Amino acid sequence: MANSTLLPNQFLGVNQFLQSASGAFQLILQSDGNLVLYRMTNHHPLWASNTNGKDAMRAIMQTDGNFVLYDFHGKALWATGTNGKPGSFITMQDDGNLVIYEPKIPVWASNTAQ
């Protein structure tokens, strides 16, 4: 069973993903460097980091509460801007929304609820 949540210091590597509990939605770090949220019933993209072609290596839920996509050189390519929220985690919800919680209050969302 795929994981739906990243806790602090956990990350996605290339071709790894978070999947909603129902399996209907998936966030994947593609080999082209783009972090994409898909509706799996028709493989339709709902959200993307728009970082294709940028050599992304990992997307990490940092201990400071920021979810950041890094390249092979350690350069940040994209971030949620939620630093200053320690203890936060990111989760792929069954409604299609990717959300960061601190720890019970939502502080960032992809706004892709279906």
C-alpha atoms as a PDB file:
ATOM      1  CA  MET A   1       0.000   0.000   0.000  1.00  0.00           C
ATOM      2  CA  ALA A   2       1.319   3.432  -0.944  1.00  0.00           C
ATOM      3  CA  ASN A   3       1.869   6.129   1.645  1.00  0.00           C
ATOM      4  CA  SER A   4      -0.374   9.205   1.634  1.00  0.00           C
ATOM      5  CA  THR A   5       1.707  11.350   4.029  1.00  0.00           C
ATOM      6  CA  LEU A   6       5.227  12.721   4.415  1.00  0.00           C
ATOM      7  CA  LEU A   7       6.312  13.567   7.944  1.00  0.00           C
ATOM      8  CA  PRO A   8       9.191  15.961   8.763  1.00  0.00           C
ATOM      9  CA  ASN A   9      12.466  14.810   7.122  1.00  0.00           C
ATOM     10  CA  GLN A  10      10.683  12.355   4.820  1.00  0.00           C
ATOM     11  CA  PHE A  11      10.960  12.847   1.074  1.00  0.00           C
ATOM     12  CA  LEU A  12      10.003  11.653  -2.380  1.00  0.00           C
ATOM     13  CA  GLY A  13      12.763  10.668  -4.780  1.00  0.00           C
ATOM     14  CA  VAL A  14      12.452  10.495  -8.559  1.00  0.00           C
ATOM     15  CA  ASN A  15       9.515   8.278  -9.600  1.00  0.00           C
ATOM     16  CA  GLN A  16       8.289   8.000  -6.003  1.00  0.00           C
ATOM     17  CA  PHE A  17       4.805   9.134  -5.050  1.00  0.00           C
ATOM     18  CA  LEU A  18       2.223   9.869  -2.404  1.00  0.00           C
ATOM     19  CA  GLN A  19      -1.152   8.276  -3.026  1.00  0.00           C
ATOM     20  CA  SER A  20      -4.489   9.040  -1.420  1.00  0.00           C
ATOM     21  CA  ALA A  21      -5.897   6.232   0.737  1.00  0.00           C
ATOM     22  CA  SER A  22      -8.508   5.430  -1.919  1.00  0.00           C
ATOM     23  CA  GLY A  23      -5.874   5.365  -4.676  1.00  0.00           C
ATOM     24  CA  ALA A  24      -7.815   7.969  -6.668  1.00  0.00           C
ATOM     25  CA  PHE A  25      -5.101  10.676  -6.507  1.00  0.00           C
ATOM     26  CA  GLN A  26      -1.327  10.580  -6.725  1.00  0.00           C
ATOM     27  CA  LEU A  27       1.496  13.103  -6.319  1.00  0.00           C
ATOM     28  CA  ILE A  28       4.614  11.912  -8.158  1.00  0.00           C
ATOM     29  CA  LEU A  29       8.098  13.339  -8.669  1.00  0.00           C
ATOM     30  CA  GLN A  30       8.497  12.533 -12.350  1.00  0.00           C
ATOM     31  CA  SER A  31      11.822  11.731 -13.998  1.00  0.00           C
ATOM     32  CA  ASP A  32      11.521  14.999 -15.984  1.00  0.00           C
ATOM     33  CA  GLY A  33      11.776  16.957 -12.707  1.00  0.00           C
ATOM     34  CA  ASN A  34       8.121  17.944 -12.490  1.00  0.00           C
ATOM     35  CA  LEU A  35       6.143  17.273  -9.304  1.00  0.00           C
ATOM     36  CA  VAL A  36       2.619  16.470 -10.512  1.00  0.00           C
ATOM     37  CA  LEU A  37      -0.699  15.630  -8.839  1.00  0.00           C
ATOM     38  CA  TYR A  38      -2.842  13.284 -10.945  1.00  0.00           C
ATOM     39  CA  ARG A  39      -6.426  12.073 -10.799  1.00  0.00           C
ATOM     40  CA  MET A  40      -5.755   8.388 -11.425  1.00  0.00           C
ATOM     41  CA  THR A  41      -9.109   7.452 -12.978  1.00  0.00           C
ATOM     42  CA  ASN A  42      -8.105   9.232 -16.198  1.00  0.00           C
ATOM     43  CA  HIS A  43      -4.466  10.143 -15.393  1.00  0.00           C
ATOM     44  CA  HIS A  44      -5.450  13.811 -15.637  1.00  0.00           C
ATOM     45  CA  PRO A  45      -2.964  16.298 -14.093  1.00  0.00           C
ATOM     46  CA  LEU A  46      -4.612  18.608 -11.546  1.00  0.00           C
ATOM     47  CA  TRP A  47      -1.551  20.506 -10.306  1.00  0.00           C
ATOM     48  CA  ALA A  48       2.191  20.736 -11.089  1.00  0.00           C
ATOM     49  CA  SER A  49       5.299  22.478  -9.774  1.00  0.00           C
ATOM     50  CA  ASN A  50       6.219  23.452 -13.371  1.00  0.00           C
ATOM     51  CA  THR A  51       9.809  22.336 -12.838  1.00  0.00           C
ATOM     52  CA  ASN A  52      10.131  19.940 -15.778  1.00  0.00           C
ATOM     53  CA  GLY A  53      13.641  19.937 -17.237  1.00  0.00           C
ATOM     54  CA  LYS A  54      15.192  21.229 -13.988  1.00  0.00           C
ATOM     55  CA  ASP A  55      16.828  17.960 -12.746  1.00  0.00           C
ATOM     56  CA  ALA A  56      14.757  17.693  -9.563  1.00  0.00           C
ATOM     57  CA  MET A  57      16.087  15.001  -7.249  1.00  0.00           C
ATOM     58  CA  ARG A  58      13.842  15.048  -4.199  1.00  0.00           C
ATOM     59  CA  ALA A  59      10.842  16.714  -2.617  1.00  0.00           C
ATOM     60  CA  ILE A  60      11.295  16.892   1.154  1.00  0.00           C
ATOM     61  CA  MET A  61       8.971  17.822   3.997  1.00  0.00           C
ATOM     62  CA  GLN A  62      11.484  19.829   6.017  1.00  0.00           C
ATOM     63  CA  THR A  63      11.452  20.071   9.809  1.00  0.00           C
ATOM     64  CA  ASP A  64      10.758  23.831   9.525  1.00  0.00           C
ATOM     65  CA  GLY A  65       7.411  23.079   7.837  1.00  0.00           C
ATOM     66  CA  ASN A  66       8.425  23.917   4.267  1.00  0.00           C
ATOM     67  CA  PHE A  67       7.888  21.351   1.487  1.00  0.00           C
ATOM     68  CA  VAL A  68      10.752  21.914  -0.966  1.00  0.00           C
ATOM     69  CA  LEU A  69      11.797  20.443  -4.308  1.00  0.00           C
ATOM     70  CA  TYR A  70      15.601  20.268  -4.714  1.00  0.00           C
ATOM     71  CA  ASP A  71      17.820  19.574  -7.710  1.00  0.00           C
ATOM     72  CA  PHE A  72      20.916  17.349  -7.811  1.00  0.00           C
ATOM     73  CA  HIS A  73      23.096  20.260  -6.633  1.00  0.00           C
ATOM     74  CA  GLY A  74      20.974  21.023  -3.566  1.00  0.00           C
ATOM     75  CA  LYS A  75      19.382  24.107  -5.127  1.00  0.00           C
ATOM     76  CA  ALA A  76      15.741  24.724  -4.189  1.00  0.00           C
ATOM     77  CA  LEU A  77      13.588  24.709  -7.339  1.00  0.00           C
ATOM     78  CA  TRP A  78      10.157  25.163  -5.785  1.00  0.00           C
ATOM     79  CA  ALA A  79       8.706  25.464  -2.257  1.00  0.00           C
ATOM     80  CA  THR A  80       5.382  25.896  -0.500  1.00  0.00           C
ATOM     81  CA  GLY A  81       6.720  28.832   1.536  1.00  0.00           C
ATOM     82  CA  THR A  82       5.484  27.332   4.794  1.00  0.00           C
ATOM     83  CA  ASN A  83       8.747  27.561   6.748  1.00  0.00           C
ATOM     84  CA  GLY A  84       8.294  28.604  10.362  1.00  0.00           C
ATOM     85  CA  LYS A  85       5.690  25.873  10.894  1.00  0.00           C
ATOM     86  CA  PRO A  86       7.705  23.103  12.627  1.00  0.00           C
ATOM     87  CA  GLY A  87       5.998  19.742  13.042  1.00  0.00           C
ATOM     88  CA  SER A  88       4.001  20.166   9.845  1.00  0.00           C
ATOM     89  CA  PHE A  89       3.301  17.278   7.486  1.00  0.00           C
ATOM     90  CA  ILE A  90       1.977  16.992   3.931  1.00  0.00           C
ATOM     91  CA  THR A  91      -0.781  14.603   2.938  1.00  0.00           C
ATOM     92  CA  MET A  92      -2.526  13.511  -0.265  1.00  0.00           C
ATOM     93  CA  GLN A  93      -6.206  13.557   0.657  1.00  0.00           C
ATOM     94  CA  ASP A  94      -9.013  11.433  -0.793  1.00  0.00           C
ATOM     95  CA  ASP A  95     -10.731  14.576  -2.106  1.00  0.00           C
ATOM     96  CA  GLY A  96      -7.767  15.311  -4.414  1.00  0.00           C
ATOM     97  CA  ASN A  97      -6.323  18.123  -2.329  1.00  0.00           C
ATOM     98  CA  LEU A  98      -2.645  18.044  -1.315  1.00  0.00           C
ATOM     99  CA  VAL A  99      -2.458  19.757   2.089  1.00  0.00           C
ATOM    100  CA  ILE A 100       0.180  20.751   4.650  1.00  0.00           C
ATOM    101  CA  TYR A 101      -1.074  20.662   8.234  1.00  0.00           C
ATOM    102  CA  GLU A 102       0.582  22.314  11.260  1.00  0.00           C
ATOM    103  CA  PRO A 103      -0.275  19.795  12.855  1.00  0.00           C
ATOM    104  CA  LYS A 104      -4.090  20.126  12.788  1.00  0.00           C
ATOM    105  CA  ILE A 105      -4.485  23.474  11.007  1.00  0.00           C
ATOM    106  CA  PRO A 106      -4.104  23.564   7.199  1.00  0.00           C
ATOM    107  CA  VAL A 107      -1.349  26.037   6.221  1.00  0.00           C
ATOM    108  CA  TRP A 108      -1.014  25.272   2.485  1.00  0.00           C
ATOM    109  CA  ALA A 109      -3.089  23.457  -0.137  1.00  0.00           C
ATOM    110  CA  SER A 110      -2.920  22.683  -3.836  1.00  0.00           C
ATOM    111  CA  ASN A 111      -6.600  23.739  -4.095  1.00  0.00           C
ATOM    112  CA  THR A 112      -7.392  20.699  -6.219  1.00  0.00           C
ATOM    113  CA  ALA A 113     -10.273  19.215  -4.198  1.00  0.00           C
ATOM    114  CA  GLN A 114     -12.638  17.361  -6.486  1.00  0.00           C
END
